[in-house]
Amino acid sequence: MTSNDNSVYQIKITLAESNPPIWRQAQVPGRTSLYKLHRIFQLVMGWEDAHLHEFIIEGKKYSHPDAELEDSLDERKVSLAQIGFSENSSFSYSYDFGDGWKHELLIEKIIPSEDPANPICLAGQRACPPEDCGGIWGYEEFLEAVKDPKHERHEEFLNWIGGIFDPESFDLNAINKALRKLK
């Protein structure tokens, strides 16, 4: 399907190597810049936007120019529609290069629209890992510790996270409320 700035892109975002998978499904207008897409992904996944990020699309890297990442193009100047995606196209989004969170992105549908709506999250599963927990491997240790009161780091991690952590939680209404406030 050929897309234009009035199309709506349905994107599935999966946190790579998460098992069971942590994912979100969102619809985003084609006119959305990659920079705004980054901001949308931060909200739907549950990240805090405290680290550098980068998109890799067909071998090209896109990020914010202030990040000064080598060989990166300015994500603010490119929209989804300008990339020329088709349905079933995939690309990646990396966040927090220290922890190495990589997201696999799939364009599930491109829907023609006369008046594309604001971004919306349609579905998802599981809580986003806490910031700075050490990537997917650190997250697995974190989960082991918070589930097991006898784990040597149980109290440390619970104090760090501010209490109880439910890895199965996913609040679609809260995500969409935050998306409605996105400028």
N, C-alpha and C. Protein backbone atom coordinates (compact mmCIF):
# COMPACT_ATOMS: atom_id res chain seq x y z
N MET A 1 0.85 -1.18 0.00
CA MET A 1 0.00 0.00 0.00
C MET A 1 0.89 1.24 0.00
N THR A 2 0.58 2.20 -0.81
CA THR A 2 1.30 3.46 -0.83
C THR A 2 0.76 4.33 0.29
N SER A 3 1.68 5.00 0.96
CA SER A 3 1.26 5.83 2.09
C SER A 3 1.47 7.29 1.78
N ASN A 4 0.78 8.12 2.55
CA ASN A 4 0.98 9.57 2.46
C ASN A 4 0.87 10.13 3.87
N ASP A 5 1.04 11.44 3.98
CA ASP A 5 1.01 12.07 5.29
C ASP A 5 -0.34 11.92 5.99
N ASN A 6 -1.41 11.61 5.25
CA ASN A 6 -2.72 11.43 5.85
C ASN A 6 -2.98 9.99 6.28
N SER A 7 -2.07 9.10 5.97
CA SER A 7 -2.23 7.71 6.38
C SER A 7 -2.02 7.57 7.88
N VAL A 8 -2.57 6.50 8.43
CA VAL A 8 -2.33 6.14 9.82
C VAL A 8 -1.55 4.82 9.80
N TYR A 9 -0.47 4.81 10.57
CA TYR A 9 0.40 3.64 10.64
C TYR A 9 0.11 2.87 11.91
N GLN A 10 -0.19 1.61 11.77
CA GLN A 10 -0.36 0.74 12.92
C GLN A 10 0.96 0.01 13.13
N ILE A 11 1.58 0.25 14.28
CA ILE A 11 2.93 -0.24 14.55
C ILE A 11 2.91 -1.13 15.79
N LYS A 12 3.56 -2.28 15.68
CA LYS A 12 3.76 -3.14 16.85
C LYS A 12 5.20 -2.94 17.31
N ILE A 13 5.35 -2.63 18.59
CA ILE A 13 6.63 -2.35 19.21
C ILE A 13 6.91 -3.47 20.21
N THR A 14 7.97 -4.21 20.00
CA THR A 14 8.30 -5.32 20.90
C THR A 14 9.69 -5.10 21.48
N LEU A 15 9.82 -5.20 22.78
CA LEU A 15 11.12 -5.09 23.42
C LEU A 15 11.90 -6.37 23.10
N ALA A 16 12.98 -6.23 22.36
CA ALA A 16 13.77 -7.38 21.90
C ALA A 16 14.26 -8.21 23.09
N GLU A 17 14.22 -9.50 22.92
CA GLU A 17 14.71 -10.49 23.88
C GLU A 17 13.89 -10.57 25.16
N SER A 18 12.76 -9.85 25.22
CA SER A 18 11.90 -9.98 26.40
C SER A 18 11.12 -11.29 26.27
N ASN A 19 11.10 -12.06 27.38
CA ASN A 19 10.43 -13.34 27.36
C ASN A 19 9.79 -13.58 28.72
N PRO A 20 8.47 -13.55 28.82
CA PRO A 20 7.50 -13.36 27.74
C PRO A 20 7.60 -11.94 27.15
N PRO A 21 7.13 -11.80 25.92
CA PRO A 21 7.30 -10.52 25.22
C PRO A 21 6.61 -9.33 25.91
N ILE A 22 7.31 -8.21 25.89
CA ILE A 22 6.76 -6.93 26.33
C ILE A 22 6.52 -6.16 25.04
N TRP A 23 5.25 -5.82 24.78
CA TRP A 23 4.94 -5.19 23.49
C TRP A 23 3.80 -4.20 23.61
N ARG A 24 3.73 -3.35 22.59
CA ARG A 24 2.63 -2.39 22.47
C ARG A 24 2.22 -2.33 20.99
N GLN A 25 0.96 -1.99 20.77
CA GLN A 25 0.44 -1.76 19.43
C GLN A 25 -0.16 -0.36 19.42
N ALA A 26 0.31 0.46 18.49
CA ALA A 26 -0.13 1.86 18.45
C ALA A 26 -0.47 2.27 17.03
N GLN A 27 -1.33 3.26 16.92
CA GLN A 27 -1.61 3.90 15.63
C GLN A 27 -1.12 5.33 15.70
N VAL A 28 -0.40 5.72 14.62
CA VAL A 28 0.29 7.00 14.58
C VAL A 28 0.08 7.62 13.19
N PRO A 29 -0.24 8.91 13.11
CA PRO A 29 -0.38 9.56 11.80
C PRO A 29 0.92 9.51 10.99
N GLY A 30 0.80 9.38 9.68
CA GLY A 30 1.96 9.35 8.79
C GLY A 30 2.79 10.61 8.83
N ARG A 31 2.19 11.72 9.19
CA ARG A 31 2.91 13.01 9.25
C ARG A 31 3.84 13.09 10.47
N THR A 32 3.79 12.09 11.34
CA THR A 32 4.59 12.09 12.57
C THR A 32 6.07 12.00 12.25
N SER A 33 6.85 12.95 12.79
CA SER A 33 8.30 12.89 12.61
C SER A 33 8.87 11.74 13.46
N LEU A 34 10.05 11.30 13.10
CA LEU A 34 10.69 10.25 13.90
C LEU A 34 10.97 10.75 15.32
N TYR A 35 11.23 12.04 15.48
CA TYR A 35 11.43 12.58 16.82
C TYR A 35 10.16 12.43 17.66
N LYS A 36 9.02 12.77 17.06
CA LYS A 36 7.77 12.63 17.80
C LYS A 36 7.44 11.15 18.02
N LEU A 37 7.81 10.31 17.05
CA LEU A 37 7.61 8.88 17.22
C LEU A 37 8.39 8.38 18.43
N HIS A 38 9.61 8.88 18.59
CA HIS A 38 10.40 8.54 19.79
C HIS A 38 9.64 8.93 21.05
N ARG A 39 9.08 10.12 21.08
CA ARG A 39 8.33 10.57 22.26
C ARG A 39 7.10 9.69 22.50
N ILE A 40 6.45 9.28 21.41
CA ILE A 40 5.29 8.38 21.53
C ILE A 40 5.73 7.04 22.10
N PHE A 41 6.83 6.50 21.58
CA PHE A 41 7.32 5.21 22.07
C PHE A 41 7.69 5.28 23.55
N GLN A 42 8.26 6.40 23.97
CA GLN A 42 8.60 6.56 25.38
C GLN A 42 7.33 6.42 26.24
N LEU A 43 6.25 7.04 25.81
CA LEU A 43 5.00 6.99 26.57
C LEU A 43 4.36 5.61 26.52
N VAL A 44 4.26 5.01 25.35
CA VAL A 44 3.55 3.73 25.27
C VAL A 44 4.33 2.60 25.92
N MET A 45 5.66 2.68 25.87
CA MET A 45 6.45 1.63 26.51
C MET A 45 6.55 1.84 28.02
N GLY A 46 6.60 3.10 28.44
CA GLY A 46 6.74 3.39 29.86
C GLY A 46 8.12 3.87 30.25
N TRP A 47 8.93 4.23 29.28
CA TRP A 47 10.27 4.76 29.56
C TRP A 47 10.16 6.20 30.04
N GLU A 48 11.26 6.75 30.54
CA GLU A 48 11.27 8.10 31.12
C GLU A 48 12.00 9.12 30.25
N ASP A 49 12.48 8.73 29.08
CA ASP A 49 13.20 9.61 28.16
C ASP A 49 14.42 10.25 28.82
N ALA A 50 15.18 9.43 29.53
CA ALA A 50 16.36 9.90 30.26
C ALA A 50 17.67 9.56 29.56
N HIS A 51 17.59 8.92 28.39
CA HIS A 51 18.79 8.43 27.73
C HIS A 51 18.72 8.69 26.22
N LEU A 52 19.86 8.50 25.56
CA LEU A 52 19.91 8.65 24.11
C LEU A 52 19.12 7.54 23.43
N HIS A 53 18.75 7.79 22.19
CA HIS A 53 18.00 6.81 21.41
C HIS A 53 18.41 6.92 19.94
N GLU A 54 17.99 5.93 19.17
CA GLU A 54 18.32 5.93 17.75
C GLU A 54 17.37 4.98 17.01
N PHE A 55 16.94 5.41 15.85
CA PHE A 55 16.20 4.54 14.93
C PHE A 55 17.18 4.03 13.89
N ILE A 56 17.03 2.79 13.47
CA ILE A 56 17.78 2.27 12.34
C ILE A 56 16.76 1.75 11.34
N ILE A 57 16.74 2.41 10.17
CA ILE A 57 15.76 2.10 9.14
C ILE A 57 16.51 1.89 7.83
N GLU A 58 16.43 0.68 7.32
CA GLU A 58 17.10 0.31 6.07
C GLU A 58 18.56 0.77 6.06
N GLY A 59 19.25 0.49 7.16
CA GLY A 59 20.66 0.79 7.28
C GLY A 59 21.01 2.23 7.61
N LYS A 60 20.02 3.11 7.64
CA LYS A 60 20.26 4.52 7.99
C LYS A 60 19.91 4.74 9.45
N LYS A 61 20.73 5.57 10.10
CA LYS A 61 20.52 5.89 11.51
C LYS A 61 19.89 7.27 11.62
N TYR A 62 18.92 7.41 12.52
CA TYR A 62 18.23 8.67 12.77
C TYR A 62 18.22 8.91 14.28
N SER A 63 18.56 10.12 14.67
CA SER A 63 18.49 10.50 16.07
C SER A 63 18.39 12.02 16.16
N HIS A 64 18.31 12.51 17.38
CA HIS A 64 18.27 13.96 17.59
C HIS A 64 19.68 14.49 17.37
N PRO A 65 19.84 15.61 16.64
CA PRO A 65 21.19 16.11 16.36
C PRO A 65 21.98 16.48 17.61
N ASP A 66 21.31 16.84 18.69
CA ASP A 66 22.03 17.16 19.93
C ASP A 66 22.76 15.95 20.50
N ALA A 67 22.33 14.75 20.12
CA ALA A 67 22.96 13.54 20.62
C ALA A 67 24.35 13.33 20.01
N GLU A 68 24.58 13.96 18.87
CA GLU A 68 25.87 13.88 18.18
C GLU A 68 26.31 12.44 17.98
N LEU A 69 25.39 11.59 17.56
CA LEU A 69 25.72 10.21 17.25
C LEU A 69 26.28 10.14 15.85
N GLU A 70 27.33 9.39 15.68
CA GLU A 70 28.03 9.30 14.41
C GLU A 70 27.12 8.79 13.29
N ASP A 71 27.19 9.46 12.16
CA ASP A 71 26.45 9.06 10.94
C ASP A 71 24.93 9.08 11.11
N SER A 72 24.42 9.85 12.05
CA SER A 72 22.98 9.92 12.25
C SER A 72 22.37 11.09 11.50
N LEU A 73 21.19 10.84 10.94
CA LEU A 73 20.41 11.87 10.29
C LEU A 73 19.46 12.49 11.30
N ASP A 74 19.01 13.70 11.02
CA ASP A 74 18.14 14.44 11.94
C ASP A 74 16.73 13.87 11.91
N GLU A 75 16.33 13.22 13.01
CA GLU A 75 15.02 12.58 13.10
C GLU A 75 13.88 13.58 13.08
N ARG A 76 14.15 14.84 13.35
CA ARG A 76 13.10 15.86 13.38
C ARG A 76 12.64 16.22 11.97
N LYS A 77 13.46 15.90 10.97
CA LYS A 77 13.19 16.33 9.59
C LYS A 77 12.60 15.23 8.72
N VAL A 78 12.26 14.10 9.32
CA VAL A 78 11.76 12.96 8.53
C VAL A 78 10.49 12.42 9.18
N SER A 79 9.43 12.27 8.38
CA SER A 79 8.19 11.69 8.89
C SER A 79 8.09 10.22 8.49
N LEU A 80 7.18 9.53 9.14
CA LEU A 80 6.93 8.13 8.77
C LEU A 80 6.61 8.00 7.28
N ALA A 81 5.74 8.88 6.79
CA ALA A 81 5.33 8.82 5.39
C ALA A 81 6.50 9.05 4.44
N GLN A 82 7.43 9.92 4.81
CA GLN A 82 8.58 10.21 3.96
C GLN A 82 9.54 9.03 3.84
N ILE A 83 9.56 8.17 4.83
CA ILE A 83 10.45 7.00 4.79
C ILE A 83 10.05 6.08 3.64
N GLY A 84 8.76 5.99 3.37
CA GLY A 84 8.29 5.11 2.30
C GLY A 84 8.04 3.69 2.76
N PHE A 85 7.62 3.54 3.99
CA PHE A 85 7.30 2.22 4.52
C PHE A 85 6.15 1.59 3.75
N SER A 86 6.13 0.28 3.75
CA SER A 86 4.97 -0.47 3.28
C SER A 86 4.55 -1.39 4.43
N GLU A 87 3.38 -1.98 4.31
CA GLU A 87 2.92 -2.90 5.34
C GLU A 87 3.93 -4.04 5.47
N ASN A 88 4.13 -4.50 6.68
CA ASN A 88 5.08 -5.54 7.04
C ASN A 88 6.54 -5.09 6.98
N SER A 89 6.78 -3.79 6.82
CA SER A 89 8.14 -3.26 6.95
C SER A 89 8.55 -3.33 8.41
N SER A 90 9.84 -3.50 8.63
CA SER A 90 10.31 -3.51 10.01
C SER A 90 11.53 -2.60 10.14
N PHE A 91 11.75 -2.13 11.36
CA PHE A 91 12.91 -1.31 11.65
C PHE A 91 13.17 -1.42 13.14
N SER A 92 14.22 -0.74 13.62
CA SER A 92 14.53 -0.87 15.04
C SER A 92 14.65 0.48 15.71
N TYR A 93 14.47 0.46 17.01
CA TYR A 93 14.56 1.63 17.86
C TYR A 93 15.36 1.21 19.08
N SER A 94 16.48 1.87 19.31
CA SER A 94 17.31 1.58 20.47
C SER A 94 17.19 2.73 21.46
N TYR A 95 17.16 2.36 22.73
CA TYR A 95 17.04 3.35 23.79
C TYR A 95 17.99 2.97 24.92
N ASP A 96 18.70 3.94 25.44
CA ASP A 96 19.64 3.77 26.54
C ASP A 96 20.74 2.81 26.11
N PHE A 97 21.76 3.37 25.48
CA PHE A 97 22.83 2.55 24.94
C PHE A 97 23.62 1.82 26.02
N GLY A 98 23.60 2.32 27.25
CA GLY A 98 24.26 1.62 28.35
C GLY A 98 23.53 0.33 28.72
N ASP A 99 22.21 0.41 28.84
CA ASP A 99 21.41 -0.78 29.15
C ASP A 99 21.09 -1.57 27.88
N GLY A 100 21.13 -0.91 26.74
CA GLY A 100 20.95 -1.61 25.46
C GLY A 100 19.54 -2.09 25.17
N TRP A 101 18.55 -1.25 25.43
CA TRP A 101 17.17 -1.64 25.13
C TRP A 101 16.93 -1.50 23.63
N LYS A 102 16.70 -2.60 22.97
CA LYS A 102 16.41 -2.60 21.53
C LYS A 102 14.96 -3.01 21.34
N HIS A 103 14.28 -2.26 20.49
CA HIS A 103 12.87 -2.53 20.19
C HIS A 103 12.74 -2.91 18.73
N GLU A 104 12.00 -3.95 18.46
CA GLU A 104 11.70 -4.38 17.10
C GLU A 104 10.35 -3.78 16.72
N LEU A 105 10.32 -3.11 15.58
CA LEU A 105 9.11 -2.41 15.16
C LEU A 105 8.60 -3.00 13.86
N LEU A 106 7.30 -3.21 13.79
CA LEU A 106 6.66 -3.77 12.61
C LEU A 106 5.51 -2.87 12.20
N ILE A 107 5.53 -2.44 10.94
CA ILE A 107 4.39 -1.70 10.39
C ILE A 107 3.34 -2.76 10.03
N GLU A 108 2.33 -2.89 10.86
CA GLU A 108 1.30 -3.91 10.63
C GLU A 108 0.33 -3.50 9.53
N LYS A 109 -0.07 -2.23 9.56
CA LYS A 109 -1.05 -1.72 8.60
C LYS A 109 -0.73 -0.27 8.28
N ILE A 110 -1.09 0.14 7.08
CA ILE A 110 -1.10 1.56 6.72
C ILE A 110 -2.53 1.84 6.27
N ILE A 111 -3.20 2.68 7.04
CA ILE A 111 -4.63 2.90 6.84
C ILE A 111 -4.86 4.28 6.23
N PRO A 112 -5.48 4.35 5.04
CA PRO A 112 -5.79 5.66 4.47
C PRO A 112 -6.75 6.41 5.38
N SER A 113 -6.54 7.72 5.49
CA SER A 113 -7.40 8.51 6.35
C SER A 113 -7.47 9.93 5.83
N GLU A 114 -8.64 10.50 5.84
CA GLU A 114 -8.81 11.90 5.45
C GLU A 114 -8.34 12.83 6.56
N ASP A 115 -8.55 12.39 7.80
CA ASP A 115 -8.20 13.21 8.95
C ASP A 115 -7.60 12.32 10.03
N PRO A 116 -6.29 12.01 9.90
CA PRO A 116 -5.70 11.10 10.88
C PRO A 116 -5.78 11.65 12.30
N ALA A 117 -6.16 10.79 13.20
CA ALA A 117 -6.31 11.19 14.60
C ALA A 117 -4.95 11.29 15.28
N ASN A 118 -4.97 11.68 16.51
CA ASN A 118 -3.75 11.71 17.31
C ASN A 118 -3.30 10.28 17.59
N PRO A 119 -2.06 10.10 18.03
CA PRO A 119 -1.59 8.75 18.35
C PRO A 119 -2.46 8.10 19.41
N ILE A 120 -2.60 6.79 19.28
CA ILE A 120 -3.36 6.02 20.26
C ILE A 120 -2.70 4.66 20.43
N CYS A 121 -2.70 4.18 21.65
CA CYS A 121 -2.23 2.83 21.93
C CYS A 121 -3.45 1.91 21.89
N LEU A 122 -3.37 0.85 21.11
CA LEU A 122 -4.50 -0.07 20.96
C LEU A 122 -4.44 -1.24 21.93
N ALA A 123 -3.21 -1.71 22.20
CA ALA A 123 -3.07 -2.90 23.03
C ALA A 123 -1.61 -3.01 23.49
N GLY A 124 -1.39 -3.94 24.38
CA GLY A 124 -0.04 -4.20 24.85
C GLY A 124 -0.06 -5.25 25.93
N GLN A 125 1.14 -5.68 26.30
CA GLN A 125 1.26 -6.65 27.38
C GLN A 125 2.52 -6.39 28.18
N ARG A 126 2.38 -6.49 29.44
CA ARG A 126 3.44 -6.45 30.44
C ARG A 126 4.00 -5.06 30.68
N ALA A 127 4.50 -4.89 31.88
CA ALA A 127 5.10 -3.62 32.30
C ALA A 127 6.45 -3.41 31.64
N CYS A 128 6.78 -2.18 31.46
CA CYS A 128 8.10 -1.79 30.98
C CYS A 128 9.11 -2.02 32.10
N PRO A 129 10.29 -2.53 31.78
CA PRO A 129 11.32 -2.64 32.83
C PRO A 129 11.67 -1.27 33.40
N PRO A 130 12.11 -1.21 34.64
CA PRO A 130 12.52 0.07 35.22
C PRO A 130 13.77 0.62 34.50
N GLU A 131 13.84 1.95 34.42
CA GLU A 131 15.04 2.59 33.88
C GLU A 131 16.26 2.13 34.68
N ASP A 132 17.36 2.01 33.98
CA ASP A 132 18.68 1.77 34.60
C ASP A 132 18.78 0.47 35.39
N CYS A 133 18.01 -0.54 34.98
CA CYS A 133 18.10 -1.82 35.69
C CYS A 133 19.14 -2.76 35.07
N GLY A 134 19.81 -2.31 34.02
CA GLY A 134 20.90 -3.12 33.47
C GLY A 134 20.54 -3.91 32.23
N GLY A 135 19.59 -3.45 31.45
CA GLY A 135 19.22 -4.16 30.23
C GLY A 135 18.38 -5.38 30.52
N ILE A 136 18.18 -6.20 29.49
CA ILE A 136 17.29 -7.36 29.63
C ILE A 136 17.81 -8.33 30.69
N TRP A 137 19.15 -8.49 30.77
CA TRP A 137 19.72 -9.42 31.76
C TRP A 137 19.56 -8.87 33.17
N GLY A 138 19.77 -7.58 33.34
CA GLY A 138 19.56 -6.95 34.63
C GLY A 138 18.11 -7.00 35.06
N TYR A 139 17.21 -6.88 34.07
CA TYR A 139 15.79 -6.94 34.36
C TYR A 139 15.40 -8.33 34.87
N GLU A 140 15.99 -9.36 34.27
CA GLU A 140 15.70 -10.72 34.73
C GLU A 140 16.15 -10.91 36.18
N GLU A 141 17.33 -10.37 36.53
CA GLU A 141 17.79 -10.45 37.92
C GLU A 141 16.86 -9.65 38.84
N PHE A 142 16.47 -8.47 38.37
CA PHE A 142 15.54 -7.63 39.14
C PHE A 142 14.25 -8.40 39.44
N LEU A 143 13.67 -9.05 38.41
CA LEU A 143 12.43 -9.81 38.60
C LEU A 143 12.61 -10.95 39.60
N GLU A 144 13.72 -11.66 39.48
CA GLU A 144 14.00 -12.74 40.44
C GLU A 144 14.04 -12.21 41.86
N ALA A 145 14.70 -11.08 42.04
CA ALA A 145 14.88 -10.51 43.37
C ALA A 145 13.57 -10.01 43.97
N VAL A 146 12.75 -9.32 43.17
CA VAL A 146 11.51 -8.77 43.75
C VAL A 146 10.48 -9.86 44.02
N LYS A 147 10.56 -10.98 43.31
CA LYS A 147 9.62 -12.08 43.55
C LYS A 147 9.99 -12.93 44.76
N ASP A 148 11.28 -12.93 45.11
CA ASP A 148 11.78 -13.83 46.16
C ASP A 148 12.22 -13.05 47.39
N PRO A 149 11.41 -13.05 48.46
CA PRO A 149 11.78 -12.32 49.67
C PRO A 149 13.12 -12.77 50.28
N LYS A 150 13.59 -13.95 49.92
CA LYS A 150 14.87 -14.46 50.45
C LYS A 150 16.06 -14.06 49.57
N HIS A 151 15.78 -13.47 48.43
CA HIS A 151 16.87 -13.04 47.54
C HIS A 151 17.68 -11.94 48.22
N GLU A 152 18.99 -12.01 48.11
CA GLU A 152 19.87 -11.04 48.81
C GLU A 152 19.63 -9.60 48.40
N ARG A 153 19.05 -9.36 47.21
CA ARG A 153 18.81 -7.99 46.76
C ARG A 153 17.33 -7.60 46.79
N HIS A 154 16.49 -8.44 47.37
CA HIS A 154 15.04 -8.22 47.40
C HIS A 154 14.69 -6.84 47.95
N GLU A 155 15.12 -6.55 49.17
CA GLU A 155 14.80 -5.26 49.81
C GLU A 155 15.41 -4.10 49.04
N GLU A 156 16.63 -4.26 48.59
CA GLU A 156 17.31 -3.19 47.83
C GLU A 156 16.49 -2.80 46.60
N PHE A 157 16.08 -3.81 45.82
CA PHE A 157 15.33 -3.52 44.60
C PHE A 157 13.93 -2.96 44.90
N LEU A 158 13.27 -3.48 45.91
CA LEU A 158 11.95 -2.94 46.27
C LEU A 158 12.05 -1.48 46.71
N ASN A 159 13.06 -1.16 47.49
CA ASN A 159 13.27 0.23 47.90
C ASN A 159 13.58 1.10 46.69
N TRP A 160 14.41 0.60 45.80
CA TRP A 160 14.80 1.34 44.61
C TRP A 160 13.59 1.65 43.72
N ILE A 161 12.70 0.67 43.57
CA ILE A 161 11.54 0.83 42.69
C ILE A 161 10.40 1.56 43.40
N GLY A 162 10.50 1.71 44.69
CA GLY A 162 9.46 2.42 45.44
C GLY A 162 8.32 1.54 45.88
N GLY A 163 8.58 0.26 46.05
CA GLY A 163 7.53 -0.64 46.56
C GLY A 163 7.32 -1.83 45.65
N ILE A 164 6.09 -2.17 45.44
CA ILE A 164 5.73 -3.36 44.66
C ILE A 164 5.91 -3.11 43.17
N PHE A 165 6.37 -4.13 42.45
CA PHE A 165 6.48 -4.08 41.00
C PHE A 165 5.74 -5.28 40.43
N ASP A 166 4.77 -5.02 39.57
CA ASP A 166 4.01 -6.09 38.92
C ASP A 166 4.42 -6.16 37.46
N PRO A 167 5.22 -7.16 37.06
CA PRO A 167 5.69 -7.25 35.68
C PRO A 167 4.57 -7.49 34.66
N GLU A 168 3.40 -7.88 35.13
CA GLU A 168 2.27 -8.14 34.23
C GLU A 168 1.38 -6.92 34.03
N SER A 169 1.65 -5.84 34.76
CA SER A 169 0.75 -4.68 34.68
C SER A 169 0.88 -3.96 33.35
N PHE A 170 -0.23 -3.49 32.87
CA PHE A 170 -0.31 -2.71 31.63
C PHE A 170 -1.59 -1.89 31.72
N ASP A 171 -1.46 -0.57 31.71
CA ASP A 171 -2.62 0.30 31.88
C ASP A 171 -2.87 1.09 30.60
N LEU A 172 -3.69 0.54 29.73
CA LEU A 172 -4.00 1.15 28.43
C LEU A 172 -4.60 2.54 28.59
N ASN A 173 -5.51 2.70 29.55
CA ASN A 173 -6.14 4.01 29.76
C ASN A 173 -5.13 5.08 30.16
N ALA A 174 -4.20 4.75 31.04
CA ALA A 174 -3.19 5.72 31.47
C ALA A 174 -2.27 6.10 30.31
N ILE A 175 -1.93 5.12 29.48
CA ILE A 175 -1.07 5.41 28.33
C ILE A 175 -1.79 6.35 27.38
N ASN A 176 -3.04 6.08 27.07
CA ASN A 176 -3.77 6.93 26.13
C ASN A 176 -4.03 8.32 26.71
N LYS A 177 -4.20 8.40 28.00
CA LYS A 177 -4.35 9.71 28.64
C LYS A 177 -3.05 10.53 28.44
N ALA A 178 -1.91 9.89 28.64
CA ALA A 178 -0.63 10.57 28.44
C ALA A 178 -0.42 10.96 26.97
N LEU A 179 -0.85 10.09 26.05
CA LEU A 179 -0.72 10.41 24.62
C LEU A 179 -1.56 11.62 24.23
N ARG A 180 -2.74 11.75 24.84
CA ARG A 180 -3.60 12.91 24.53
C ARG A 180 -2.96 14.22 24.94
N LYS A 181 -2.08 14.19 25.94
CA LYS A 181 -1.39 15.40 26.41
C LYS A 181 -0.14 15.71 25.60
N LEU A 182 0.30 14.78 24.77
CA LEU A 182 1.52 14.96 23.99
C LEU A 182 1.34 16.06 22.96
N LYS A 183 2.25 16.98 22.95
CA LYS A 183 2.21 18.09 21.96
C LYS A 183 3.05 17.74 20.77
